[in-house]
Amino acid sequence: MSVVADGHTNRVLDVTDRVPLDVLVASPATECDALRLLRTINRRPLPPRTVVLADRVSRQGACALLGERAAGILRRSTARHHLPWAVPAAAQGGLALEPALASLLVDSYLQPLRRAQTQSDARTLLGRLTVREREVLTLLADGHAAPAIAAMLSLAPGTVKSYLRSVYDKLDVSNRIQAVRVLWSADAIPSPAPVPSRAVGQTA
């Protein structure tokens, strides 16, 4: 790796016109300046691959820079540690990202996938419950204790405890908090509408 030219950021186009570059390491003042620079460079006939140095880069800013074909994004404060591998990586067609920024971008990409998987898993678990068990769990999530649930559904307290044991077993959890978390992860359903005591007693 060799430095073939250097110059102020404002004169970067002059440098790229005078010297053929494999990689341009640019250090604009702000994210907006970096975006403008990339757009200008990318209009050149044979634009070099550009690694951007910045004091701070937000997730949105990083996505915008990558959208403008930045070949790398590094923080100025740690660039000297990363340039030795980042420049060759960019020259070879790779993407050179500050490790912390790479983790942030990967996490932001994975979070929706993880949430969707968690929701799907929770809904599968809830599908194991009977209608009555689902009612008991929903009332539990609303903050009602077993005796109150028994009174609301016109059931014996022991029957409610039996339902709860069955719920915990089917959801593969060991306590109320874990059971409610499954319900919330699946998108908590509203509490069931009150049912006349006599009708509930007949269907229990």
C-alpha atoms as a PDB file:
ATOM      1  CA  MET A   1       0.000   0.000   0.000  1.00  0.00           C
ATOM      2  CA  SER A   2       1.443   3.363  -0.986  1.00  0.00           C
ATOM      3  CA  VAL A   3       0.272   6.970  -0.756  1.00  0.00           C
ATOM      4  CA  VAL A   4       0.442   8.461  -4.249  1.00  0.00           C
ATOM      5  CA  ALA A   5      -1.066  11.867  -3.498  1.00  0.00           C
ATOM      6  CA  ASP A   6      -2.609  13.908  -0.755  1.00  0.00           C
ATOM      7  CA  GLY A   7      -4.480  17.152  -0.506  1.00  0.00           C
ATOM      8  CA  HIS A   8      -7.209  19.095   1.246  1.00  0.00           C
ATOM      9  CA  THR A   9     -10.705  17.688   1.035  1.00  0.00           C
ATOM     10  CA  ASN A  10     -11.826  20.737  -0.993  1.00  0.00           C
ATOM     11  CA  ARG A  11      -9.269  19.844  -3.681  1.00  0.00           C
ATOM     12  CA  VAL A  12      -9.967  16.123  -3.779  1.00  0.00           C
ATOM     13  CA  LEU A  13     -11.375  16.260  -7.304  1.00  0.00           C
ATOM     14  CA  ASP A  14      -8.176  17.877  -8.538  1.00  0.00           C
ATOM     15  CA  VAL A  15      -6.230  15.012  -6.982  1.00  0.00           C
ATOM     16  CA  THR A  16      -8.418  12.352  -8.561  1.00  0.00           C
ATOM     17  CA  ASP A  17      -8.074  14.053 -11.940  1.00  0.00           C
ATOM     18  CA  ARG A  18      -4.281  14.205 -11.729  1.00  0.00           C
ATOM     19  CA  VAL A  19      -3.523  10.818 -10.185  1.00  0.00           C
ATOM     20  CA  PRO A  20      -5.181   7.433 -10.812  1.00  0.00           C
ATOM     21  CA  LEU A  21      -6.299   6.104  -7.438  1.00  0.00           C
ATOM     22  CA  ASP A  22      -7.411   2.665  -6.344  1.00  0.00           C
ATOM     23  CA  VAL A  23      -8.699   4.031  -3.041  1.00  0.00           C
ATOM     24  CA  LEU A  24      -9.449   7.550  -1.906  1.00  0.00           C
ATOM     25  CA  VAL A  25      -9.375   8.169   1.855  1.00  0.00           C
ATOM     26  CA  ALA A  26     -11.507  11.251   2.431  1.00  0.00           C
ATOM     27  CA  SER A  27     -12.091  13.128   5.659  1.00  0.00           C
ATOM     28  CA  PRO A  28     -15.012  15.547   5.176  1.00  0.00           C
ATOM     29  CA  ALA A  29     -16.138  17.741   8.038  1.00  0.00           C
ATOM     30  CA  THR A  30     -19.663  16.320   8.336  1.00  0.00           C
ATOM     31  CA  GLU A  31     -21.856  13.466   7.116  1.00  0.00           C
ATOM     32  CA  CYS A  32     -23.552  15.876   4.691  1.00  0.00           C
ATOM     33  CA  ASP A  33     -20.179  16.901   3.285  1.00  0.00           C
ATOM     34  CA  ALA A  34     -19.271  13.236   2.886  1.00  0.00           C
ATOM     35  CA  LEU A  35     -22.504  12.536   0.997  1.00  0.00           C
ATOM     36  CA  ARG A  36     -21.931  15.492  -1.336  1.00  0.00           C
ATOM     37  CA  LEU A  37     -18.359  14.385  -1.953  1.00  0.00           C
ATOM     38  CA  LEU A  38     -19.386  10.813  -2.769  1.00  0.00           C
ATOM     39  CA  ARG A  39     -22.091  11.976  -5.157  1.00  0.00           C
ATOM     40  CA  THR A  40     -19.604  14.189  -6.951  1.00  0.00           C
ATOM     41  CA  ILE A  41     -16.889  11.527  -7.120  1.00  0.00           C
ATOM     42  CA  ASN A  42     -19.305   8.890  -8.354  1.00  0.00           C
ATOM     43  CA  ARG A  43     -20.134  11.092 -11.354  1.00  0.00           C
ATOM     44  CA  ARG A  44     -16.507  10.790 -12.546  1.00  0.00           C
ATOM     45  CA  PRO A  45     -15.806   8.335 -15.401  1.00  0.00           C
ATOM     46  CA  LEU A  46     -13.663   6.018 -13.234  1.00  0.00           C
ATOM     47  CA  PRO A  47     -14.333   6.935  -9.592  1.00  0.00           C
ATOM     48  CA  PRO A  48     -11.955   5.509  -6.985  1.00  0.00           C
ATOM     49  CA  ARG A  49     -13.355   3.451  -4.151  1.00  0.00           C
ATOM     50  CA  THR A  50     -13.769   5.865  -1.242  1.00  0.00           C
ATOM     51  CA  VAL A  51     -13.170   5.265   2.444  1.00  0.00           C
ATOM     52  CA  VAL A  52     -14.754   7.994   4.576  1.00  0.00           C
ATOM     53  CA  LEU A  53     -13.265   9.152   7.877  1.00  0.00           C
ATOM     54  CA  ALA A  54     -15.663  10.854  10.282  1.00  0.00           C
ATOM     55  CA  ASP A  55     -15.752  12.027  13.896  1.00  0.00           C
ATOM     56  CA  ARG A  56     -19.206  10.528  14.446  1.00  0.00           C
ATOM     57  CA  VAL A  57     -21.428   8.487  12.193  1.00  0.00           C
ATOM     58  CA  SER A  58     -25.064   7.737  12.949  1.00  0.00           C
ATOM     59  CA  ARG A  59     -26.756   4.572  11.772  1.00  0.00           C
ATOM     60  CA  GLN A  60     -28.860   6.616   9.335  1.00  0.00           C
ATOM     61  CA  GLY A  61     -25.763   8.462   8.135  1.00  0.00           C
ATOM     62  CA  ALA A  62     -23.871   5.221   7.620  1.00  0.00           C
ATOM     63  CA  CYS A  63     -26.748   3.785   5.593  1.00  0.00           C
ATOM     64  CA  ALA A  64     -26.836   6.938   3.459  1.00  0.00           C
ATOM     65  CA  LEU A  65     -23.059   6.781   2.860  1.00  0.00           C
ATOM     66  CA  LEU A  66     -23.269   3.123   1.904  1.00  0.00           C
ATOM     67  CA  GLY A  67     -26.139   3.997  -0.397  1.00  0.00           C
ATOM     68  CA  GLU A  68     -23.767   6.397  -2.158  1.00  0.00           C
ATOM     69  CA  ARG A  69     -21.290   3.535  -2.606  1.00  0.00           C
ATOM     70  CA  ALA A  70     -18.836   4.354   0.177  1.00  0.00           C
ATOM     71  CA  ALA A  71     -16.274   1.545   0.255  1.00  0.00           C
ATOM     72  CA  GLY A  72     -15.535   2.108   3.917  1.00  0.00           C
ATOM     73  CA  ILE A  73     -16.471   4.179   6.957  1.00  0.00           C
ATOM     74  CA  LEU A  74     -14.036   4.703   9.832  1.00  0.00           C
ATOM     75  CA  ARG A  75     -13.898   7.009  12.825  1.00  0.00           C
ATOM     76  CA  ARG A  76     -11.071   9.515  12.656  1.00  0.00           C
ATOM     77  CA  SER A  77     -10.077   8.797  16.252  1.00  0.00           C
ATOM     78  CA  THR A  78      -9.293   5.145  15.520  1.00  0.00           C
ATOM     79  CA  ALA A  79      -8.556   5.296  11.795  1.00  0.00           C
ATOM     80  CA  ARG A  80      -4.804   4.785  12.202  1.00  0.00           C
ATOM     81  CA  HIS A  81      -5.511   1.354  13.678  1.00  0.00           C
ATOM     82  CA  HIS A  82      -7.889   0.320  10.896  1.00  0.00           C
ATOM     83  CA  LEU A  83      -6.518   1.899   7.717  1.00  0.00           C
ATOM     84  CA  PRO A  84      -3.841  -0.819   7.224  1.00  0.00           C
ATOM     85  CA  TRP A  85      -6.567  -3.418   6.641  1.00  0.00           C
ATOM     86  CA  ALA A  86      -9.379  -1.120   5.490  1.00  0.00           C
ATOM     87  CA  VAL A  87      -7.596   0.304   2.431  1.00  0.00           C
ATOM     88  CA  PRO A  88      -6.585  -3.082   0.948  1.00  0.00           C
ATOM     89  CA  ALA A  89     -10.083  -4.418   1.682  1.00  0.00           C
ATOM     90  CA  ALA A  90     -11.665  -1.484  -0.166  1.00  0.00           C
ATOM     91  CA  ALA A  91      -9.184  -1.822  -3.063  1.00  0.00           C
ATOM     92  CA  GLN A  92     -10.162  -5.468  -3.468  1.00  0.00           C
ATOM     93  CA  GLY A  93     -13.858  -4.653  -3.650  1.00  0.00           C
ATOM     94  CA  GLY A  94     -14.705  -5.281   0.001  1.00  0.00           C
ATOM     95  CA  LEU A  95     -16.475  -3.115   2.519  1.00  0.00           C
ATOM     96  CA  ALA A  96     -14.349  -1.671   5.325  1.00  0.00           C
ATOM     97  CA  LEU A  97     -16.409  -0.654   8.352  1.00  0.00           C
ATOM     98  CA  GLU A  98     -15.362   0.475  11.795  1.00  0.00           C
ATOM     99  CA  PRO A  99     -15.981  -2.640  13.945  1.00  0.00           C
ATOM    100  CA  ALA A 100     -18.361  -0.817  16.298  1.00  0.00           C
ATOM    101  CA  LEU A 101     -20.305   0.579  13.350  1.00  0.00           C
ATOM    102  CA  ALA A 102     -20.422  -2.825  11.680  1.00  0.00           C
ATOM    103  CA  SER A 103     -21.926  -4.309  14.855  1.00  0.00           C
ATOM    104  CA  LEU A 104     -24.511  -1.506  15.011  1.00  0.00           C
ATOM    105  CA  LEU A 105     -25.569  -2.021  11.412  1.00  0.00           C
ATOM    106  CA  VAL A 106     -25.742  -5.793  11.762  1.00  0.00           C
ATOM    107  CA  ASP A 107     -27.805  -5.490  14.947  1.00  0.00           C
ATOM    108  CA  SER A 108     -30.199  -3.020  13.329  1.00  0.00           C
ATOM    109  CA  TYR A 109     -30.649  -5.464  10.455  1.00  0.00           C
ATOM    110  CA  LEU A 110     -31.123  -8.485  12.693  1.00  0.00           C
ATOM    111  CA  GLN A 111     -33.446  -6.922  15.285  1.00  0.00           C
ATOM    112  CA  PRO A 112     -36.573  -6.999  13.079  1.00  0.00           C
ATOM    113  CA  LEU A 113     -35.775 -10.593  12.121  1.00  0.00           C
ATOM    114  CA  ARG A 114     -35.308 -11.546  15.756  1.00  0.00           C
ATOM    115  CA  ARG A 115     -38.550  -9.816  16.766  1.00  0.00           C
ATOM    116  CA  ALA A 116     -40.428 -11.615  14.002  1.00  0.00           C
ATOM    117  CA  GLN A 117     -38.978 -14.953  15.073  1.00  0.00           C
ATOM    118  CA  THR A 118     -39.776 -14.280  18.736  1.00  0.00           C
ATOM    119  CA  GLN A 119     -43.343 -13.358  17.813  1.00  0.00           C
ATOM    120  CA  SER A 120     -43.728 -16.466  15.667  1.00  0.00           C
ATOM    121  CA  ASP A 121     -42.365 -18.708  18.433  1.00  0.00           C
ATOM    122  CA  ALA A 122     -44.668 -17.115  21.016  1.00  0.00           C
ATOM    123  CA  ARG A 123     -47.727 -17.546  18.810  1.00  0.00           C
ATOM    124  CA  THR A 124     -46.846 -21.189  18.257  1.00  0.00           C
ATOM    125  CA  LEU A 125     -46.679 -21.711  22.023  1.00  0.00           C
ATOM    126  CA  LEU A 126     -49.980 -19.931  22.590  1.00  0.00           C
ATOM    127  CA  GLY A 127     -51.550 -22.172  19.976  1.00  0.00           C
ATOM    128  CA  ARG A 128     -51.126 -25.054  22.423  1.00  0.00           C
ATOM    129  CA  LEU A 129     -53.534 -23.485  24.912  1.00  0.00           C
ATOM    130  CA  THR A 130     -57.243 -24.152  25.152  1.00  0.00           C
ATOM    131  CA  VAL A 131     -59.677 -21.251  25.036  1.00  0.00           C
ATOM    132  CA  ARG A 132     -60.100 -21.385  28.818  1.00  0.00           C
ATOM    133  CA  GLU A 133     -56.349 -21.485  29.419  1.00  0.00           C
ATOM    134  CA  ARG A 134     -55.949 -18.472  27.149  1.00  0.00           C
ATOM    135  CA  GLU A 135     -58.603 -16.605  29.146  1.00  0.00           C
ATOM    136  CA  VAL A 136     -56.825 -17.398  32.408  1.00  0.00           C
ATOM    137  CA  LEU A 137     -53.475 -16.291  30.979  1.00  0.00           C
ATOM    138  CA  THR A 138     -54.927 -13.039  29.629  1.00  0.00           C
ATOM    139  CA  LEU A 139     -56.459 -12.181  33.003  1.00  0.00           C
ATOM    140  CA  LEU A 140     -53.131 -13.032  34.607  1.00  0.00           C
ATOM    141  CA  ALA A 141     -51.439 -10.597  32.227  1.00  0.00           C
ATOM    142  CA  ASP A 142     -53.950  -7.929  33.277  1.00  0.00           C
ATOM    143  CA  GLY A 143     -52.568  -8.213  36.801  1.00  0.00           C
ATOM    144  CA  HIS A 144     -55.237 -10.370  38.436  1.00  0.00           C
ATOM    145  CA  ALA A 145     -54.223 -12.948  41.034  1.00  0.00           C
ATOM    146  CA  ALA A 146     -55.552 -16.509  40.954  1.00  0.00           C
ATOM    147  CA  PRO A 147     -58.379 -15.890  43.484  1.00  0.00           C
ATOM    148  CA  ALA A 148     -59.621 -12.895  41.485  1.00  0.00           C
ATOM    149  CA  ILE A 149     -59.459 -14.877  38.250  1.00  0.00           C
ATOM    150  CA  ALA A 150     -61.457 -17.636  39.905  1.00  0.00           C
ATOM    151  CA  ALA A 151     -64.140 -15.154  40.958  1.00  0.00           C
ATOM    152  CA  MET A 152     -64.253 -13.498  37.526  1.00  0.00           C
ATOM    153  CA  LEU A 153     -64.672 -16.815  35.716  1.00  0.00           C
ATOM    154  CA  SER A 154     -66.846 -18.449  38.385  1.00  0.00           C
ATOM    155  CA  LEU A 155     -64.302 -21.193  38.912  1.00  0.00           C
ATOM    156  CA  ALA A 156     -62.919 -22.772  42.051  1.00  0.00           C
ATOM    157  CA  PRO A 157     -59.486 -21.378  43.043  1.00  0.00           C
ATOM    158  CA  GLY A 158     -58.042 -24.869  42.745  1.00  0.00           C
ATOM    159  CA  THR A 159     -59.349 -25.093  39.170  1.00  0.00           C
ATOM    160  CA  VAL A 160     -57.608 -21.845  38.237  1.00  0.00           C
ATOM    161  CA  LYS A 161     -54.374 -23.113  39.751  1.00  0.00           C
ATOM    162  CA  SER A 162     -54.741 -26.264  37.692  1.00  0.00           C
ATOM    163  CA  TYR A 163     -55.224 -24.174  34.554  1.00  0.00           C
ATOM    164  CA  LEU A 164     -52.140 -22.142  35.408  1.00  0.00           C
ATOM    165  CA  ARG A 165     -50.045 -25.255  35.887  1.00  0.00           C
ATOM    166  CA  SER A 166     -51.202 -26.448  32.489  1.00  0.00           C
ATOM    167  CA  VAL A 167     -50.407 -23.055  30.933  1.00  0.00           C
ATOM    168  CA  TYR A 168     -46.893 -23.026  32.393  1.00  0.00           C
ATOM    169  CA  ASP A 169     -46.306 -26.557  31.177  1.00  0.00           C
ATOM    170  CA  LYS A 170     -47.539 -25.894  27.640  1.00  0.00           C
ATOM    171  CA  LEU A 171     -45.581 -22.637  27.356  1.00  0.00           C
ATOM    172  CA  ASP A 172     -42.487 -24.294  28.842  1.00  0.00           C
ATOM    173  CA  VAL A 173     -42.166 -21.622  31.557  1.00  0.00           C
ATOM    174  CA  SER A 174     -41.988 -21.783  35.311  1.00  0.00           C
ATOM    175  CA  ASN A 175     -43.669 -18.615  36.569  1.00  0.00           C
ATOM    176  CA  ARG A 176     -46.213 -15.889  35.920  1.00  0.00           C
ATOM    177  CA  ILE A 177     -43.733 -13.344  34.523  1.00  0.00           C
ATOM    178  CA  GLN A 178     -42.407 -15.755  31.916  1.00  0.00           C
ATOM    179  CA  ALA A 179     -45.909 -16.802  30.895  1.00  0.00           C
ATOM    180  CA  VAL A 180     -47.070 -13.203  30.479  1.00  0.00           C
ATOM    181  CA  ARG A 181     -43.928 -12.409  28.483  1.00  0.00           C
ATOM    182  CA  VAL A 182     -44.929 -15.089  25.966  1.00  0.00           C
ATOM    183  CA  LEU A 183     -48.365 -13.461  25.614  1.00  0.00           C
ATOM    184  CA  TRP A 184     -46.864 -10.007  25.110  1.00  0.00           C
ATOM    185  CA  SER A 185     -44.271 -11.299  22.652  1.00  0.00           C
ATOM    186  CA  ALA A 186     -47.101 -12.662  20.524  1.00  0.00           C
ATOM    187  CA  ASP A 187     -48.856  -9.263  20.663  1.00  0.00           C
ATOM    188  CA  ALA A 188     -51.025  -9.295  23.786  1.00  0.00           C
ATOM    189  CA  ILE A 189     -54.684  -9.880  23.108  1.00  0.00           C
ATOM    190  CA  PRO A 190     -57.323  -7.824  24.940  1.00  0.00           C
ATOM    191  CA  SER A 191     -58.931  -9.285  27.987  1.00  0.00           C
ATOM    192  CA  PRO A 192     -61.901 -11.527  27.147  1.00  0.00           C
ATOM    193  CA  ALA A 193     -65.286  -9.875  27.449  1.00  0.00           C
ATOM    194  CA  PRO A 194     -67.141 -10.647  30.692  1.00  0.00           C
ATOM    195  CA  VAL A 195     -69.287 -13.738  30.383  1.00  0.00           C
ATOM    196  CA  PRO A 196     -72.402 -14.316  32.542  1.00  0.00           C
ATOM    197  CA  SER A 197     -71.450 -16.472  35.499  1.00  0.00           C
ATOM    198  CA  ARG A 198     -74.056 -19.172  34.765  1.00  0.00           C
ATOM    199  CA  ALA A 199     -72.870 -19.559  31.133  1.00  0.00           C
ATOM    200  CA  VAL A 200     -69.254 -19.736  32.209  1.00  0.00           C
ATOM    201  CA  GLY A 201     -70.071 -22.331  34.790  1.00  0.00           C
ATOM    202  CA  GLN A 202     -71.761 -24.487  32.155  1.00  0.00           C
ATOM    203  CA  THR A 203     -68.753 -24.364  29.790  1.00  0.00           C
ATOM    204  CA  ALA A 204     -66.004 -24.785  32.387  1.00  0.00           C
END
